[in-house]
PDB file of N, CA and C in Angstrom:
ATOM      1  N   MET A   1       1.961  24.674 -10.197  1.00  0.00           N
ATOM      2  CA  MET A   1       2.753  25.543  -9.349  1.00  0.00           C
ATOM      3  C   MET A   1       3.677  24.684  -8.492  1.00  0.00           C
ATOM      4  N   PRO A   2       4.972  24.799  -8.688  1.00  0.00           N
ATOM      5  CA  PRO A   2       5.912  23.997  -7.899  1.00  0.00           C
ATOM      6  C   PRO A   2       5.995  24.488  -6.454  1.00  0.00           C
ATOM      7  N   LEU A   3       6.252  23.548  -5.569  1.00  0.00           N
ATOM      8  CA  LEU A   3       6.377  23.875  -4.153  1.00  0.00           C
ATOM      9  C   LEU A   3       7.760  24.443  -3.868  1.00  0.00           C
ATOM     10  N   SER A   4       7.827  25.361  -2.926  1.00  0.00           N
ATOM     11  CA  SER A   4       9.133  25.873  -2.512  1.00  0.00           C
ATOM     12  C   SER A   4       9.842  24.798  -1.694  1.00  0.00           C
ATOM     13  N   TYR A   5      11.123  24.997  -1.511  1.00  0.00           N
ATOM     14  CA  TYR A   5      11.921  24.021  -0.757  1.00  0.00           C
ATOM     15  C   TYR A   5      11.408  23.894   0.680  1.00  0.00           C
ATOM     16  N   LYS A   6      11.103  25.033   1.315  1.00  0.00           N
ATOM     17  CA  LYS A   6      10.618  24.994   2.700  1.00  0.00           C
ATOM     18  C   LYS A   6       9.262  24.315   2.793  1.00  0.00           C
ATOM     19  N   ALA A   7       8.396  24.552   1.821  1.00  0.00           N
ATOM     20  CA  ALA A   7       7.078  23.904   1.829  1.00  0.00           C
ATOM     21  C   ALA A   7       7.229  22.404   1.654  1.00  0.00           C
ATOM     22  N   LYS A   8       8.144  21.989   0.778  1.00  0.00           N
ATOM     23  CA  LYS A   8       8.387  20.554   0.590  1.00  0.00           C
ATOM     24  C   LYS A   8       8.857  19.909   1.887  1.00  0.00           C
ATOM     25  N   ARG A   9       9.752  20.579   2.582  1.00  0.00           N
ATOM     26  CA  ARG A   9      10.256  20.031   3.846  1.00  0.00           C
ATOM     27  C   ARG A   9       9.141  19.923   4.880  1.00  0.00           C
ATOM     28  N   ARG A  10       8.295  20.934   4.946  1.00  0.00           N
ATOM     29  CA  ARG A  10       7.187  20.898   5.913  1.00  0.00           C
ATOM     30  C   ARG A  10       6.193  19.795   5.573  1.00  0.00           C
ATOM     31  N   TYR A  11       5.838  19.683   4.289  1.00  0.00           N
ATOM     32  CA  TYR A  11       4.909  18.635   3.875  1.00  0.00           C
ATOM     33  C   TYR A  11       5.506  17.249   4.107  1.00  0.00           C
ATOM     34  N   ALA A  12       6.792  17.090   3.825  1.00  0.00           N
ATOM     35  CA  ALA A  12       7.443  15.798   4.044  1.00  0.00           C
ATOM     36  C   ALA A  12       7.402  15.422   5.527  1.00  0.00           C
ATOM     37  N   LEU A  13       7.665  16.377   6.392  1.00  0.00           N
ATOM     38  CA  LEU A  13       7.613  16.120   7.831  1.00  0.00           C
ATOM     39  C   LEU A  13       6.192  15.768   8.273  1.00  0.00           C
ATOM     40  N   LEU A  14       5.220  16.491   7.767  1.00  0.00           N
ATOM     41  CA  LEU A  14       3.821  16.215   8.096  1.00  0.00           C
ATOM     42  C   LEU A  14       3.404  14.828   7.612  1.00  0.00           C
ATOM     43  N   ILE A  15       3.809  14.481   6.405  1.00  0.00           N
ATOM     44  CA  ILE A  15       3.479  13.167   5.857  1.00  0.00           C
ATOM     45  C   ILE A  15       4.121  12.062   6.689  1.00  0.00           C
ATOM     46  N   LEU A  16       5.356  12.259   7.101  1.00  0.00           N
ATOM     47  CA  LEU A  16       6.033  11.233   7.893  1.00  0.00           C
ATOM     48  C   LEU A  16       5.470  11.118   9.310  1.00  0.00           C
ATOM     49  N   LEU A  17       5.078  12.236   9.901  1.00  0.00           N
ATOM     50  CA  LEU A  17       4.565  12.200  11.275  1.00  0.00           C
ATOM     51  C   LEU A  17       3.118  11.725  11.358  1.00  0.00           C
ATOM     52  N   ILE A  18       2.329  11.991  10.328  1.00  0.00           N
ATOM     53  CA  ILE A  18       0.922  11.586  10.352  1.00  0.00           C
ATOM     54  C   ILE A  18       0.659  10.427   9.397  1.00  0.00           C
ATOM     55  N   GLY A  19       1.176  10.510   8.185  1.00  0.00           N
ATOM     56  CA  GLY A  19       0.899   9.497   7.168  1.00  0.00           C
ATOM     57  C   GLY A  19       1.522   8.148   7.456  1.00  0.00           C
ATOM     58  N   LEU A  20       2.729   8.130   7.958  1.00  0.00           N
ATOM     59  CA  LEU A  20       3.399   6.861   8.233  1.00  0.00           C
ATOM     60  C   LEU A  20       2.694   6.053   9.321  1.00  0.00           C
ATOM     61  N   PRO A  21       2.323   6.651  10.449  1.00  0.00           N
ATOM     62  CA  PRO A  21       1.559   5.861  11.433  1.00  0.00           C
ATOM     63  C   PRO A  21       0.212   5.382  10.894  1.00  0.00           C
ATOM     64  N   VAL A  22      -0.453   6.199  10.086  1.00  0.00           N
ATOM     65  CA  VAL A  22      -1.725   5.771   9.482  1.00  0.00           C
ATOM     66  C   VAL A  22      -1.489   4.595   8.553  1.00  0.00           C
ATOM     67  N   TYR A  23      -0.402   4.648   7.768  1.00  0.00           N
ATOM     68  CA  TYR A  23      -0.053   3.527   6.880  1.00  0.00           C
ATOM     69  C   TYR A  23       0.201   2.260   7.691  1.00  0.00           C
ATOM     70  N   ILE A  24       0.920   2.377   8.769  1.00  0.00           N
ATOM     71  CA  ILE A  24       1.242   1.201   9.595  1.00  0.00           C
ATOM     72  C   ILE A  24      -0.038   0.584  10.161  1.00  0.00           C
ATOM     73  N   ILE A  25      -0.917   1.412  10.679  1.00  0.00           N
ATOM     74  CA  ILE A  25      -2.183   0.903  11.230  1.00  0.00           C
ATOM     75  C   ILE A  25      -3.016   0.254  10.136  1.00  0.00           C
ATOM     76  N   ALA A  26      -3.088   0.887   8.971  1.00  0.00           N
ATOM     77  CA  ALA A  26      -3.878   0.344   7.863  1.00  0.00           C
ATOM     78  C   ALA A  26      -3.311  -0.972   7.358  1.00  0.00           C
ATOM     79  N   SER A  27      -1.991  -1.055   7.231  1.00  0.00           N
ATOM     80  CA  SER A  27      -1.400  -2.287   6.713  1.00  0.00           C
ATOM     81  C   SER A  27      -1.544  -3.447   7.708  1.00  0.00           C
ATOM     82  N   VAL A  28      -1.407  -3.179   8.982  1.00  0.00           N
ATOM     83  CA  VAL A  28      -1.610  -4.230   9.983  1.00  0.00           C
ATOM     84  C   VAL A  28      -3.075  -4.674   9.994  1.00  0.00           C
ATOM     85  N   THR A  29      -3.983  -3.728   9.818  1.00  0.00           N
ATOM     86  CA  THR A  29      -5.408  -4.065   9.752  1.00  0.00           C
ATOM     87  C   THR A  29      -5.709  -4.953   8.549  1.00  0.00           C
ATOM     88  N   VAL A  30      -5.134  -4.636   7.396  1.00  0.00           N
ATOM     89  CA  VAL A  30      -5.342  -5.451   6.192  1.00  0.00           C
ATOM     90  C   VAL A  30      -4.810  -6.865   6.406  1.00  0.00           C
ATOM     91  N   VAL A  31      -3.649  -6.994   6.997  1.00  0.00           N
ATOM     92  CA  VAL A  31      -3.081  -8.324   7.250  1.00  0.00           C
ATOM     93  C   VAL A  31      -3.948  -9.092   8.251  1.00  0.00           C
ATOM     94  N   ASN A  32      -4.493  -8.396   9.243  1.00  0.00           N
ATOM     95  CA  ASN A  32      -5.376  -9.065  10.208  1.00  0.00           C
ATOM     96  C   ASN A  32      -6.669  -9.540   9.550  1.00  0.00           C
ATOM     97  N   TRP A  33      -7.175  -8.787   8.562  1.00  0.00           N
ATOM     98  CA  TRP A  33      -8.359  -9.227   7.826  1.00  0.00           C
ATOM     99  C   TRP A  33      -8.093 -10.531   7.078  1.00  0.00           C
ATOM    100  N   LEU A  34      -6.846 -10.723   6.685  1.00  0.00           N
ATOM    101  CA  LEU A  34      -6.476 -11.952   5.967  1.00  0.00           C
ATOM    102  C   LEU A  34      -6.292 -13.123   6.931  1.00  0.00           C
ATOM    103  N   GLU A  35      -6.491 -12.900   8.195  1.00  0.00           N
ATOM    104  CA  GLU A  35      -6.380 -13.917   9.250  1.00  0.00           C
ATOM    105  C   GLU A  35      -5.024 -14.611   9.280  1.00  0.00           C
ATOM    106  N   ARG A  36      -4.006 -13.813   9.401  1.00  0.00           N
ATOM    107  CA  ARG A  36      -2.613 -14.256   9.549  1.00  0.00           C
ATOM    108  C   ARG A  36      -2.199 -15.248   8.460  1.00  0.00           C
ATOM    109  N   PRO A  37      -1.942 -14.738   7.252  1.00  0.00           N
ATOM    110  CA  PRO A  37      -1.519 -15.610   6.146  1.00  0.00           C
ATOM    111  C   PRO A  37      -0.075 -16.057   6.328  1.00  0.00           C
ATOM    112  N   SER A  38       0.439 -16.790   5.353  1.00  0.00           N
ATOM    113  CA  SER A  38       1.842 -17.227   5.422  1.00  0.00           C
ATOM    114  C   SER A  38       2.759 -16.008   5.394  1.00  0.00           C
ATOM    115  N   ILE A  39       3.974 -16.209   5.785  1.00  0.00           N
ATOM    116  CA  ILE A  39       4.926 -15.103   5.887  1.00  0.00           C
ATOM    117  C   ILE A  39       5.177 -14.442   4.538  1.00  0.00           C
ATOM    118  N   TRP A  40       5.145 -15.203   3.449  1.00  0.00           N
ATOM    119  CA  TRP A  40       5.396 -14.637   2.119  1.00  0.00           C
ATOM    120  C   TRP A  40       4.239 -13.761   1.654  1.00  0.00           C
ATOM    121  N   VAL A  41       3.020 -14.181   1.924  1.00  0.00           N
ATOM    122  CA  VAL A  41       1.853 -13.357   1.579  1.00  0.00           C
ATOM    123  C   VAL A  41       1.856 -12.093   2.423  1.00  0.00           C
ATOM    124  N   GLU A  42       2.174 -12.242   3.679  1.00  0.00           N
ATOM    125  CA  GLU A  42       2.230 -11.089   4.577  1.00  0.00           C
ATOM    126  C   GLU A  42       3.304 -10.097   4.121  1.00  0.00           C
ATOM    127  N   LEU A  43       4.461 -10.589   3.756  1.00  0.00           N
ATOM    128  CA  LEU A  43       5.533  -9.730   3.262  1.00  0.00           C
ATOM    129  C   LEU A  43       5.106  -9.015   1.990  1.00  0.00           C
ATOM    130  N   PHE A  44       4.466  -9.750   1.066  1.00  0.00           N
ATOM    131  CA  PHE A  44       4.006  -9.139  -0.179  1.00  0.00           C
ATOM    132  C   PHE A  44       2.991  -8.034   0.092  1.00  0.00           C
ATOM    133  N   VAL A  45       2.079  -8.260   1.019  1.00  0.00           N
ATOM    134  CA  VAL A  45       1.071  -7.245   1.347  1.00  0.00           C
ATOM    135  C   VAL A  45       1.736  -5.998   1.917  1.00  0.00           C
ATOM    136  N   TYR A  46       2.681  -6.161   2.820  1.00  0.00           N
ATOM    137  CA  TYR A  46       3.367  -5.004   3.397  1.00  0.00           C
ATOM    138  C   TYR A  46       4.157  -4.229   2.347  1.00  0.00           C
ATOM    139  N   VAL A  47       4.853  -4.936   1.474  1.00  0.00           N
ATOM    140  CA  VAL A  47       5.635  -4.262   0.429  1.00  0.00           C
ATOM    141  C   VAL A  47       4.709  -3.544  -0.543  1.00  0.00           C
ATOM    142  N   ALA A  48       3.646  -4.207  -0.971  1.00  0.00           N
ATOM    143  CA  ALA A  48       2.708  -3.596  -1.923  1.00  0.00           C
ATOM    144  C   ALA A  48       2.047  -2.355  -1.323  1.00  0.00           C
ATOM    145  N   LEU A  49       1.597  -2.442  -0.083  1.00  0.00           N
ATOM    146  CA  LEU A  49       0.979  -1.282   0.556  1.00  0.00           C
ATOM    147  C   LEU A  49       1.991  -0.155   0.781  1.00  0.00           C
ATOM    148  N   GLY A  50       3.233  -0.503   1.045  1.00  0.00           N
ATOM    149  CA  GLY A  50       4.267   0.515   1.212  1.00  0.00           C
ATOM    150  C   GLY A  50       4.540   1.271  -0.074  1.00  0.00           C
ATOM    151  N   ILE A  51       4.550   0.555  -1.180  1.00  0.00           N
ATOM    152  CA  ILE A  51       4.759   1.210  -2.473  1.00  0.00           C
ATOM    153  C   ILE A  51       3.548   2.063  -2.839  1.00  0.00           C
ATOM    154  N   LEU A  52       2.353   1.531  -2.626  1.00  0.00           N
ATOM    155  CA  LEU A  52       1.139   2.287  -2.938  1.00  0.00           C
ATOM    156  C   LEU A  52       0.997   3.532  -2.070  1.00  0.00           C
ATOM    157  N   TRP A  53       1.494   3.470  -0.837  1.00  0.00           N
ATOM    158  CA  TRP A  53       1.387   4.597   0.073  1.00  0.00           C
ATOM    159  C   TRP A  53       2.295   5.749  -0.352  1.00  0.00           C
ATOM    160  N   ILE A  54       3.483   5.450  -0.813  1.00  0.00           N
ATOM    161  CA  ILE A  54       4.464   6.503  -1.071  1.00  0.00           C
ATOM    162  C   ILE A  54       4.369   7.093  -2.468  1.00  0.00           C
ATOM    163  N   LEU A  55       3.803   6.385  -3.421  1.00  0.00           N
ATOM    164  CA  LEU A  55       3.743   6.890  -4.797  1.00  0.00           C
ATOM    165  C   LEU A  55       3.086   8.265  -4.931  1.00  0.00           C
ATOM    166  N   PRO A  56       1.966   8.534  -4.290  1.00  0.00           N
ATOM    167  CA  PRO A  56       1.376   9.871  -4.450  1.00  0.00           C
ATOM    168  C   PRO A  56       2.231  11.000  -3.868  1.00  0.00           C
ATOM    169  N   PHE A  57       3.122  10.682  -2.951  1.00  0.00           N
ATOM    170  CA  PHE A  57       3.916  11.713  -2.290  1.00  0.00           C
ATOM    171  C   PHE A  57       5.346  11.801  -2.808  1.00  0.00           C
ATOM    172  N   LYS A  58       5.630  11.130  -3.893  1.00  0.00           N
ATOM    173  CA  LYS A  58       6.996  11.090  -4.436  1.00  0.00           C
ATOM    174  C   LYS A  58       7.521  12.493  -4.752  1.00  0.00           C
ATOM    175  N   PHE A  59       6.666  13.344  -5.314  1.00  0.00           N
ATOM    176  CA  PHE A  59       7.105  14.685  -5.684  1.00  0.00           C
ATOM    177  C   PHE A  59       7.462  15.524  -4.464  1.00  0.00           C
ATOM    178  N   VAL A  60       6.883  15.237  -3.319  1.00  0.00           N
ATOM    179  CA  VAL A  60       7.180  16.003  -2.108  1.00  0.00           C
ATOM    180  C   VAL A  60       8.559  15.642  -1.579  1.00  0.00           C
ATOM    181  N   PHE A  61       8.916  14.354  -1.627  1.00  0.00           N
ATOM    182  CA  PHE A  61      10.169  13.900  -1.040  1.00  0.00           C
ATOM    183  C   PHE A  61      11.381  14.103  -1.949  1.00  0.00           C
ATOM    184  N   LYS A  62      11.166  14.359  -3.230  1.00  0.00           N
ATOM    185  CA  LYS A  62      12.297  14.542  -4.151  1.00  0.00           C
ATOM    186  C   LYS A  62      13.060  15.810  -3.819  1.00  0.00           C
ATOM    187  N   GLY A  63      14.345  15.672  -3.531  1.00  0.00           N
ATOM    188  CA  GLY A  63      15.216  16.813  -3.299  1.00  0.00           C
ATOM    189  C   GLY A  63      15.165  17.398  -1.900  1.00  0.00           C
ATOM    190  N   VAL A  64      14.407  16.815  -0.986  1.00  0.00           N
ATOM    191  CA  VAL A  64      14.287  17.377   0.355  1.00  0.00           C
ATOM    192  C   VAL A  64      15.582  17.218   1.141  1.00  0.00           C
ATOM    193  N   GLY A  65      16.323  16.164   0.904  1.00  0.00           N
ATOM    194  CA  GLY A  65      17.547  15.917   1.655  1.00  0.00           C
ATOM    195  C   GLY A  65      18.748  16.698   1.160  1.00  0.00           C
ATOM    196  N   GLN A  66      18.585  17.487   0.113  1.00  0.00           N
ATOM    197  CA  GLN A  66      19.704  18.256  -0.425  1.00  0.00           C
ATOM    198  C   GLN A  66      19.680  19.675   0.129  1.00  0.00           C
ATOM    199  N   ALA A  67      20.719  20.422  -0.177  1.00  0.00           N
ATOM    200  CA  ALA A  67      20.808  21.800   0.302  1.00  0.00           C
ATOM    201  C   ALA A  67      19.731  22.662  -0.347  1.00  0.00           C
ATOM    202  N   ASP A  68      19.316  23.708   0.348  1.00  0.00           N
ATOM    203  CA  ASP A  68      18.278  24.594  -0.148  1.00  0.00           C
ATOM    204  C   ASP A  68      18.773  25.323  -1.403  1.00  0.00           C
ATOM    205  N   PRO A  69      18.119  25.098  -2.540  1.00  0.00           N
ATOM    206  CA  PRO A  69      18.569  25.760  -3.777  1.00  0.00           C
ATOM    207  C   PRO A  69      18.278  27.239  -3.789  1.00  0.00           C
ATOM    208  N   ASP A  70      17.365  27.726  -2.954  1.00  0.00           N
ATOM    209  CA  ASP A  70      17.028  29.142  -2.901  1.00  0.00           C
ATOM    210  C   ASP A  70      18.012  29.943  -2.035  1.00  0.00           C
ATOM    211  N   GLN A  71      18.790  29.255  -1.239  1.00  0.00           N
ATOM    212  CA  GLN A  71      19.750  29.867  -0.338  1.00  0.00           C
ATOM    213  C   GLN A  71      21.001  30.291  -1.126  1.00  0.00           C
ATOM    214  N   PRO A  72      21.471  31.530  -0.951  1.00  0.00           N
ATOM    215  CA  PRO A  72      22.731  31.909  -1.641  1.00  0.00           C
ATOM    216  C   PRO A  72      23.923  31.146  -1.043  1.00  0.00           C
ATOM    217  N   ASN A  73      24.878  30.813  -1.883  1.00  0.00           N
ATOM    218  CA  ASN A  73      26.078  30.090  -1.415  1.00  0.00           C
ATOM    219  C   ASN A  73      26.907  30.959  -0.501  1.00  0.00           C
ATOM    220  N   GLN A  74      27.341  30.377   0.598  1.00  0.00           N
ATOM    221  CA  GLN A  74      28.155  31.137   1.568  1.00  0.00           C
ATOM    222  C   GLN A  74      29.478  30.478   1.767  1.00  0.00           C
TER     223      GLN A  74
END
């Protein structure tokens, strides 16, 4: 069952307001567990966790920035 445009926008906002801060806290915690590695390892960890975080939500963010397709043209 595909999500409506309004539901996608609401879920995207919820994910950004709650999921993004959780991702930031989790990624900083993971880097701290590594006891401050070199800058390249740290960068790789942040990039990898960022990609892993957003992949499950890709379908929610697709098309959210475009005009509402359900809205009649005015």
